[in-house]
Protein backbone atom coordinates (compact mmCIF):
# COMPACT_ATOMS: atom_id res chain seq x y z
CA MET A 1 -140.15 -100.94 -12.23
CA ALA A 2 -140.21 -104.35 -12.62
CA TYR A 3 -141.90 -103.89 -16.25
CA ASP A 4 -141.86 -100.83 -18.69
CA VAL A 5 -145.35 -101.11 -19.75
CA ILE A 6 -147.99 -103.65 -18.96
CA VAL A 7 -150.73 -104.30 -21.65
CA VAL A 8 -154.38 -105.43 -20.12
CA GLY A 9 -155.65 -107.72 -22.95
CA ILE A 10 -153.94 -109.76 -25.44
CA GLY A 11 -156.85 -109.89 -28.33
CA GLY A 12 -156.31 -108.18 -31.41
CA MET A 13 -155.37 -105.26 -30.30
CA GLY A 14 -153.54 -106.30 -27.44
CA SER A 15 -151.43 -108.42 -28.92
CA ALA A 16 -150.31 -106.10 -31.84
CA THR A 17 -149.24 -103.48 -28.90
CA ALA A 18 -147.02 -106.25 -27.37
CA TRP A 19 -145.35 -106.41 -30.55
CA GLN A 20 -144.50 -102.90 -31.15
CA LEU A 21 -143.48 -102.57 -27.89
CA ALA A 22 -141.11 -105.37 -27.11
CA ARG A 23 -139.52 -104.69 -30.64
CA ARG A 24 -138.40 -101.02 -29.36
CA GLY A 25 -136.76 -103.00 -26.53
CA GLN A 26 -139.39 -102.25 -23.99
CA ARG A 27 -139.80 -104.50 -21.22
CA VAL A 28 -143.12 -105.96 -21.62
CA LEU A 29 -146.41 -107.84 -19.53
CA GLY A 30 -149.11 -108.84 -21.32
CA LEU A 31 -152.05 -109.89 -19.06
CA GLU A 32 -154.77 -112.24 -20.46
CA ARG A 33 -157.96 -113.14 -18.99
CA PHE A 34 -159.00 -115.86 -20.94
CA ASP A 35 -156.92 -118.05 -23.36
CA ILE A 36 -154.95 -116.92 -26.17
CA PRO A 37 -156.55 -116.76 -28.55
CA HIS A 38 -160.16 -117.12 -27.03
CA ALA A 39 -163.66 -117.25 -28.33
CA MET A 40 -164.86 -114.88 -25.51
CA GLY A 41 -164.59 -111.77 -27.28
CA SER A 42 -164.34 -109.84 -30.64
CA SER A 43 -161.48 -111.69 -32.20
CA HIS A 44 -162.49 -115.03 -33.07
CA GLY A 45 -164.24 -116.61 -36.29
CA VAL A 46 -161.37 -117.21 -38.50
CA THR A 47 -161.65 -114.00 -40.75
CA ARG A 48 -161.87 -110.64 -40.42
CA ILE A 49 -162.38 -107.91 -43.64
CA ILE A 50 -159.98 -105.39 -44.74
CA ARG A 51 -160.67 -102.84 -47.12
CA LEU A 52 -159.54 -99.38 -48.60
CA PRO A 53 -162.12 -97.33 -49.89
CA TYR A 54 -163.43 -96.49 -46.26
CA TYR A 55 -167.21 -95.12 -46.09
CA GLU A 56 -166.73 -94.78 -42.25
CA ASP A 57 -164.60 -91.97 -42.83
CA PRO A 58 -161.48 -90.75 -45.38
CA ALA A 59 -159.37 -89.77 -42.67
CA TYR A 60 -159.22 -94.01 -41.67
CA VAL A 61 -157.50 -94.66 -45.08
CA PRO A 62 -153.49 -93.61 -44.39
CA LEU A 63 -154.45 -95.70 -41.22
CA LEU A 64 -155.00 -98.46 -43.14
CA HIS A 65 -152.33 -97.96 -45.76
CA ARG A 66 -149.67 -98.51 -42.64
CA ALA A 67 -151.92 -101.50 -41.50
CA TYR A 68 -151.40 -103.11 -44.33
CA ALA A 69 -147.31 -102.55 -44.56
CA LEU A 70 -147.49 -103.79 -40.38
CA TRP A 71 -149.42 -107.39 -41.46
CA ARG A 72 -146.80 -107.68 -43.91
CA GLU A 73 -143.99 -107.14 -41.65
CA LEU A 74 -145.42 -109.20 -39.05
CA GLU A 75 -145.79 -111.99 -41.75
CA ALA A 76 -142.09 -111.63 -42.51
CA ALA A 77 -141.24 -111.79 -38.69
CA THR A 78 -143.15 -114.84 -38.23
CA GLY A 79 -143.55 -116.86 -41.40
CA GLU A 80 -147.46 -117.27 -40.87
CA ARG A 81 -149.78 -115.76 -43.75
CA VAL A 82 -152.28 -113.51 -42.30
CA LEU A 83 -153.01 -111.37 -45.18
CA HIS A 84 -155.39 -112.30 -47.72
CA THR A 85 -156.28 -109.79 -50.71
CA HIS A 86 -158.81 -110.88 -53.65
CA GLY A 87 -160.71 -107.74 -53.61
CA SER A 88 -163.51 -106.01 -51.77
CA LEU A 89 -166.88 -104.60 -53.05
CA ASP A 90 -168.75 -101.45 -51.00
CA GLY A 91 -172.01 -100.55 -51.38
CA GLY A 92 -175.72 -101.32 -52.23
CA LEU A 93 -178.24 -98.64 -52.11
CA GLU A 94 -177.36 -95.93 -54.58
CA ASP A 95 -178.28 -93.36 -52.26
CA GLY A 96 -176.90 -94.82 -49.21
CA VAL A 97 -173.82 -93.95 -46.96
CA VAL A 98 -171.91 -96.92 -47.72
CA PHE A 99 -171.55 -96.92 -51.76
CA ASN A 100 -171.42 -92.98 -51.47
CA GLY A 101 -168.93 -92.90 -48.51
CA ALA A 102 -166.75 -95.68 -49.74
CA ILE A 103 -166.11 -93.70 -53.66
CA GLU A 104 -165.78 -90.05 -51.40
CA SER A 105 -162.78 -91.95 -50.03
CA ALA A 106 -161.85 -93.99 -53.22
CA ARG A 107 -161.76 -90.71 -55.17
CA LEU A 108 -160.09 -88.67 -52.59
CA HIS A 109 -156.99 -90.68 -51.80
CA ASP A 110 -156.53 -91.92 -55.49
CA LEU A 111 -157.36 -95.72 -54.86
CA THR A 112 -157.58 -97.83 -57.80
CA HIS A 113 -161.20 -98.90 -57.84
CA GLU A 114 -164.27 -99.83 -60.46
CA VAL A 115 -167.68 -98.72 -59.87
CA LEU A 116 -170.40 -101.44 -60.68
CA THR A 117 -174.06 -101.95 -60.77
CA GLY A 118 -175.46 -104.62 -59.17
CA GLU A 119 -176.15 -106.19 -62.58
CA GLN A 120 -172.50 -106.12 -63.20
CA VAL A 121 -171.35 -107.92 -60.16
CA ASN A 122 -173.90 -110.48 -60.44
CA ALA A 123 -171.87 -110.92 -63.86
CA ARG A 124 -168.26 -110.96 -62.71
CA PHE A 125 -169.01 -112.71 -59.31
CA PRO A 126 -171.93 -115.22 -59.91
CA GLY A 127 -172.16 -116.11 -56.45
CA TYR A 128 -173.93 -112.46 -55.63
CA ALA A 129 -177.28 -111.97 -56.59
CA MET A 130 -177.74 -108.09 -56.30
CA PRO A 131 -180.62 -105.85 -57.82
CA ALA A 132 -179.85 -104.15 -60.68
CA GLY A 133 -180.33 -101.21 -59.40
CA MET A 134 -177.68 -101.00 -56.46
CA ARG A 135 -173.93 -99.33 -56.39
CA PHE A 136 -170.89 -100.81 -55.19
CA VAL A 137 -167.31 -100.00 -55.16
CA LEU A 138 -164.75 -102.97 -56.33
CA GLN A 139 -161.01 -102.32 -54.87
CA PRO A 140 -158.44 -104.89 -55.72
CA GLN A 141 -156.73 -104.62 -52.45
CA GLY A 142 -159.76 -105.43 -50.14
CA GLY A 143 -159.59 -109.16 -48.83
CA TYR A 144 -159.43 -110.81 -45.17
CA VAL A 145 -157.03 -111.08 -42.03
CA MET A 146 -156.68 -114.62 -40.73
CA SER A 147 -158.18 -113.41 -37.31
CA GLU A 148 -156.91 -115.83 -34.83
CA ARG A 149 -153.45 -116.86 -36.58
CA ALA A 150 -152.91 -113.01 -36.16
CA ILE A 151 -153.10 -113.36 -32.56
CA VAL A 152 -150.92 -116.23 -32.46
CA ALA A 153 -148.44 -114.36 -34.91
CA HIS A 154 -148.34 -111.21 -32.36
CA VAL A 155 -147.92 -113.10 -29.50
CA ARG A 156 -145.04 -115.32 -30.71
CA ALA A 157 -143.57 -112.61 -31.86
CA ALA A 158 -143.52 -110.71 -28.87
CA GLN A 159 -142.72 -113.43 -26.91
CA ALA A 160 -139.33 -113.47 -29.08
CA ALA A 161 -138.38 -109.88 -28.94
CA GLY A 162 -138.67 -110.52 -25.05
CA ALA A 163 -142.59 -110.11 -23.83
CA GLU A 164 -143.65 -111.84 -21.47
CA ILE A 165 -146.95 -112.99 -21.87
CA HIS A 166 -149.72 -114.60 -19.49
CA ALA A 167 -152.96 -115.90 -19.67
CA ARG A 168 -156.21 -117.06 -17.67
CA GLU A 169 -155.18 -113.74 -15.73
CA ARG A 170 -157.77 -111.91 -14.33
CA VAL A 171 -157.13 -108.25 -14.16
CA LEU A 172 -158.98 -107.21 -10.58
CA GLY A 173 -158.03 -103.12 -10.53
CA TRP A 174 -155.15 -101.03 -11.25
CA GLU A 175 -153.67 -97.84 -9.57
CA ALA A 176 -151.66 -94.80 -10.72
CA ARG A 177 -149.34 -93.56 -8.67
CA ALA A 178 -149.68 -89.80 -7.75
CA GLY A 179 -147.45 -87.41 -10.38
CA GLY A 180 -147.87 -89.71 -13.41
CA GLU A 181 -144.90 -91.99 -11.96
CA GLY A 182 -146.07 -95.65 -12.70
CA VAL A 183 -149.03 -98.05 -12.32
CA VAL A 184 -149.74 -100.97 -9.99
CA VAL A 185 -151.62 -103.69 -11.38
CA THR A 186 -153.55 -106.21 -9.29
CA THR A 187 -154.92 -109.99 -11.04
CA ASP A 188 -155.89 -113.02 -9.55
CA ARG A 189 -152.70 -114.37 -9.09
CA GLY A 190 -150.60 -111.60 -8.47
CA ARG A 191 -149.38 -107.67 -7.95
CA TYR A 192 -147.16 -105.59 -10.87
CA GLU A 193 -145.54 -102.50 -11.19
CA ALA A 194 -144.34 -100.77 -14.03
CA ALA A 195 -143.93 -97.33 -15.79
CA ARG A 196 -147.20 -97.31 -18.00
CA LEU A 197 -149.79 -99.41 -18.78
CA VAL A 198 -152.18 -99.97 -21.83
CA LEU A 199 -155.60 -101.40 -21.77
CA THR A 200 -157.43 -102.76 -24.36
CA ALA A 201 -159.79 -105.25 -22.36
CA GLY A 202 -162.14 -105.14 -25.60
CA ALA A 203 -165.98 -105.35 -23.99
CA TRP A 204 -164.61 -105.22 -20.51
CA MET A 205 -163.09 -101.60 -21.04
CA ALA A 206 -165.74 -100.06 -19.48
CA ASP A 207 -165.17 -102.40 -16.30
CA LEU A 208 -161.34 -101.33 -16.10
CA ALA A 209 -162.05 -97.95 -17.32
CA PRO A 210 -165.11 -96.48 -16.05
CA LEU A 211 -164.55 -93.50 -17.90
CA LEU A 212 -165.70 -95.24 -20.71
CA GLN A 213 -168.90 -96.11 -19.12
CA GLY A 214 -171.50 -95.28 -21.82
CA LEU A 215 -168.65 -94.89 -24.28
CA ALA A 216 -167.71 -98.51 -24.85
CA VAL A 217 -170.79 -100.29 -24.66
CA PRO A 218 -171.20 -104.42 -25.81
CA GLU A 219 -173.14 -105.56 -28.27
CA ARG A 220 -174.14 -109.69 -29.39
CA GLN A 221 -173.41 -110.21 -32.45
CA VAL A 222 -174.25 -113.34 -34.35
CA LEU A 223 -172.29 -115.09 -37.57
CA ALA A 224 -173.50 -117.87 -39.88
CA TRP A 225 -171.63 -120.10 -42.17
CA LEU A 226 -174.20 -121.60 -44.81
CA GLN A 227 -172.66 -124.10 -47.10
CA PRO A 228 -173.09 -123.36 -50.89
CA GLN A 229 -175.01 -125.49 -53.59
CA LYS A 230 -172.36 -124.22 -56.03
CA PRO A 231 -168.99 -123.76 -54.20
CA GLU A 232 -166.96 -123.16 -56.98
CA LEU A 233 -168.53 -119.47 -57.19
CA PHE A 234 -167.83 -119.12 -52.76
CA THR A 235 -163.81 -119.43 -53.37
CA PRO A 236 -161.58 -116.34 -52.28
CA GLU A 237 -160.86 -116.02 -55.90
CA ARG A 238 -164.21 -115.53 -57.18
CA PHE A 239 -165.92 -114.08 -54.20
CA PRO A 240 -164.82 -110.60 -52.75
CA VAL A 241 -165.54 -109.93 -49.22
CA PHE A 242 -168.28 -107.36 -48.99
CA ASN A 243 -170.03 -104.61 -46.86
CA LEU A 244 -173.48 -104.67 -48.23
CA GLU A 245 -176.40 -101.54 -47.17
CA ALA A 246 -179.56 -102.89 -47.96
CA ALA A 247 -183.26 -102.27 -47.15
CA GLU A 248 -182.82 -104.63 -44.36
CA GLY A 249 -179.97 -103.31 -42.92
CA ARG A 250 -176.10 -103.57 -43.44
CA TYR A 251 -174.28 -107.03 -43.64
CA TYR A 252 -170.74 -108.31 -44.37
CA GLY A 253 -169.58 -111.30 -45.75
CA PHE A 254 -166.66 -113.66 -46.70
CA PRO A 255 -165.75 -116.41 -49.21
CA VAL A 256 -165.19 -120.16 -48.13
CA VAL A 257 -161.91 -119.97 -46.03
CA GLU A 258 -161.63 -122.71 -43.29
CA VAL A 259 -164.77 -123.59 -41.81
CA PRO A 260 -166.75 -125.41 -44.77
CA GLY A 261 -168.92 -122.57 -45.38
CA PHE A 262 -169.81 -118.97 -46.86
CA LYS A 263 -169.08 -116.66 -43.65
CA PHE A 264 -171.53 -113.34 -42.82
CA GLY A 265 -172.87 -111.53 -40.64
CA ARG A 266 -175.72 -108.25 -39.63
CA TYR A 267 -174.36 -105.40 -38.67
CA ASN A 268 -176.25 -104.59 -34.87
CA HIS A 269 -177.56 -108.06 -35.58
CA ARG A 270 -180.56 -107.60 -32.70
CA GLN A 271 -179.35 -104.17 -31.27
CA GLU A 272 -178.91 -106.48 -27.97
CA ARG A 273 -176.72 -104.34 -25.66
CA MET A 274 -175.73 -105.57 -22.16
CA PRO A 275 -172.27 -105.97 -20.07
CA ALA A 276 -170.40 -108.44 -21.46
CA GLU A 277 -170.81 -110.86 -18.15
CA ALA A 278 -174.31 -110.80 -19.39
CA MET A 279 -174.13 -111.27 -22.94
CA ASN A 280 -175.96 -114.46 -24.30
CA ARG A 281 -173.33 -116.36 -25.94
CA GLU A 282 -175.57 -119.27 -27.40
CA VAL A 283 -177.22 -119.01 -30.74
CA GLU A 284 -180.96 -119.27 -31.20
CA ALA A 285 -183.14 -120.36 -33.75
CA GLU A 286 -183.99 -116.17 -34.59
CA ASP A 287 -180.71 -115.37 -35.38
CA GLU A 288 -180.15 -118.14 -37.75
CA ALA A 289 -183.72 -117.00 -39.55
CA ILE A 290 -182.72 -113.36 -39.99
CA LEU A 291 -179.19 -114.56 -41.38
CA ARG A 292 -180.89 -117.06 -43.67
CA ALA A 293 -183.52 -114.36 -44.68
CA PHE A 294 -180.80 -112.44 -46.17
CA ALA A 295 -178.95 -115.04 -47.97
CA ASN A 296 -181.67 -116.69 -49.59
CA ARG A 297 -182.51 -112.93 -51.14
CA TYR A 298 -178.83 -111.96 -51.88
CA PHE A 299 -176.66 -115.15 -52.14
CA PRO A 300 -179.31 -118.21 -53.43
CA HIS A 301 -176.33 -119.95 -54.49
CA GLY A 302 -175.03 -120.00 -50.92
CA THR A 303 -177.57 -121.48 -48.76
CA GLY A 304 -177.24 -125.39 -47.92
CA PRO A 305 -176.77 -126.74 -45.00
CA THR A 306 -175.54 -124.28 -42.09
CA MET A 307 -172.29 -125.35 -40.91
CA ALA A 308 -171.60 -123.41 -38.44
CA LEU A 309 -173.17 -120.46 -35.86
CA ARG A 310 -171.67 -117.93 -33.46
CA ALA A 311 -171.74 -115.51 -30.75
CA CYS A 312 -169.11 -112.98 -30.49
CA LEU A 313 -169.07 -109.22 -29.35
CA PHE A 314 -169.10 -105.63 -30.71
CA THR A 315 -168.60 -102.84 -28.64
CA ASN A 316 -170.02 -99.78 -29.75
CA THR A 317 -169.05 -95.45 -29.19
CA PRO A 318 -171.93 -93.31 -29.57
CA ASP A 319 -170.38 -92.29 -33.10
CA GLU A 320 -168.96 -95.91 -33.94
CA HIS A 321 -165.18 -94.18 -33.95
CA PHE A 322 -162.34 -95.50 -31.95
CA VAL A 323 -161.00 -94.56 -28.69
CA LEU A 324 -157.11 -94.12 -28.75
CA ASP A 325 -156.04 -91.71 -26.15
CA HIS A 326 -154.24 -91.40 -22.70
CA HIS A 327 -156.68 -91.25 -19.24
CA PRO A 328 -157.06 -87.83 -19.01
CA ALA A 329 -156.24 -88.41 -15.11
CA HIS A 330 -153.28 -90.28 -15.87
CA ARG A 331 -151.21 -89.86 -18.41
CA GLN A 332 -149.24 -93.04 -17.97
CA VAL A 333 -152.26 -94.98 -18.84
CA VAL A 334 -153.58 -95.27 -22.35
CA VAL A 335 -157.05 -96.54 -22.97
CA ALA A 336 -158.31 -98.00 -26.15
CA SER A 337 -161.14 -99.28 -27.67
CA PRO A 338 -160.90 -99.78 -31.55
CA CYS A 339 -164.37 -100.92 -31.69
CA SER A 340 -167.90 -100.68 -33.33
CA GLY A 341 -167.54 -103.69 -35.71
CA HIS A 342 -164.97 -102.39 -37.53
CA GLY A 343 -161.56 -101.98 -36.03
CA TYR A 344 -159.93 -105.52 -36.48
CA LYS A 345 -158.29 -104.78 -39.95
CA PHE A 346 -156.24 -102.22 -37.82
CA CYS A 347 -154.64 -104.07 -35.03
CA SER A 348 -151.72 -103.95 -36.76
CA VAL A 349 -151.32 -100.09 -36.87
CA ILE A 350 -153.01 -99.37 -33.60
CA GLY A 351 -150.21 -101.94 -31.79
CA GLU A 352 -148.03 -99.18 -33.43
CA ILE A 353 -149.81 -96.25 -32.26
CA LEU A 354 -150.44 -97.45 -28.81
CA ALA A 355 -147.02 -98.06 -28.30
CA ASP A 356 -145.98 -94.67 -29.37
CA LEU A 357 -148.15 -93.35 -26.68
CA ALA A 358 -147.44 -95.78 -24.34
CA THR A 359 -143.40 -94.47 -25.11
CA ARG A 360 -141.61 -92.03 -27.23
CA ASP A 361 -142.91 -88.36 -25.68
CA GLY A 362 -146.61 -89.53 -25.58
CA THR A 363 -147.07 -88.60 -29.15
CA THR A 364 -147.70 -90.41 -32.13
CA PRO A 365 -146.69 -89.42 -36.43
CA HIS A 366 -150.00 -90.91 -37.25
CA ASP A 367 -153.13 -88.65 -37.14
CA ILE A 368 -155.34 -90.10 -34.69
CA GLY A 369 -157.19 -86.25 -33.82
CA PHE A 370 -160.86 -87.67 -34.45
CA LEU A 371 -160.40 -90.76 -32.61
CA ARG A 372 -159.45 -88.70 -29.03
CA LEU A 373 -161.40 -88.84 -26.12
CA GLY A 374 -161.85 -85.15 -26.17
CA ARG A 375 -164.61 -85.29 -29.29
CA TRP A 376 -167.04 -85.87 -26.44
């Protein structure tokens, strides 16, 4: 075989996987349809939140601890700082799933944390204007990952370890050899053979792995960056990242980083689900109006002129948990869709998990039973 493993999709997850495989001595080929990095998928927009008291499921917390360690390993290997920790706030409605799930995870895993009322949040972090009756979990290790920088750092580290990475090369299809003996991948530039294949193509996963039709569904998402009227209140040191469940929906946001505005978005923005190729990538007046209405109510010091508006993609599963598993018909093929709008923070550890599944005896020491395809 020309390669030990081919990785299709060199975004957040694929770039981490390429590095983890290459540092184990595997002959790796990474194939990316667009640029590295690019703005066509789910990983652009400067930053992604990382947080420990995981309301989605406490089972994610051990994976997060490993993710933090591996982000620091990447920094040590490349000299690029990608992980910034200034604290996170998770909560909102007192009887909501975000606050109650976050406090459950924090207590179950003995995480350092405080429980604050909305009034206490506003006093400590004056960029916020939360209703007094809201409740939040403040956790000091929360923060953000520099998403595009991290992709570049993972690719550089993979290349330094011997990986071959091709950008602007579209995968047209793949074929698994009979008996689990290798794969052939065809692109618009050539044909490649390898012992194993890892598919990490984000919003294009269902195109490359039809078994994920209906299980990995792209959704249009829009982010806003607004210039604060009081910028001193929106610095990383004074403005923790947030995951806020309000009457209007669930929102998330960041301090001012690189782009001269505070960044935020609404989960399942306008509930526009369609194939990635059909996605409207232009930002419309309605998109901005939805986001400004939220900022006007909850962050009135951050509602100055618009600095940027960008569209990206979520790829949602029915239960909003990831898919990490072997292809049920071809064990030499690994499929991954860490998605539903909360996957990026796990890139570093998912790279390790996918490298495990594509090497070793196809197993991983990480507990990913709740992320396997068999749950459906």
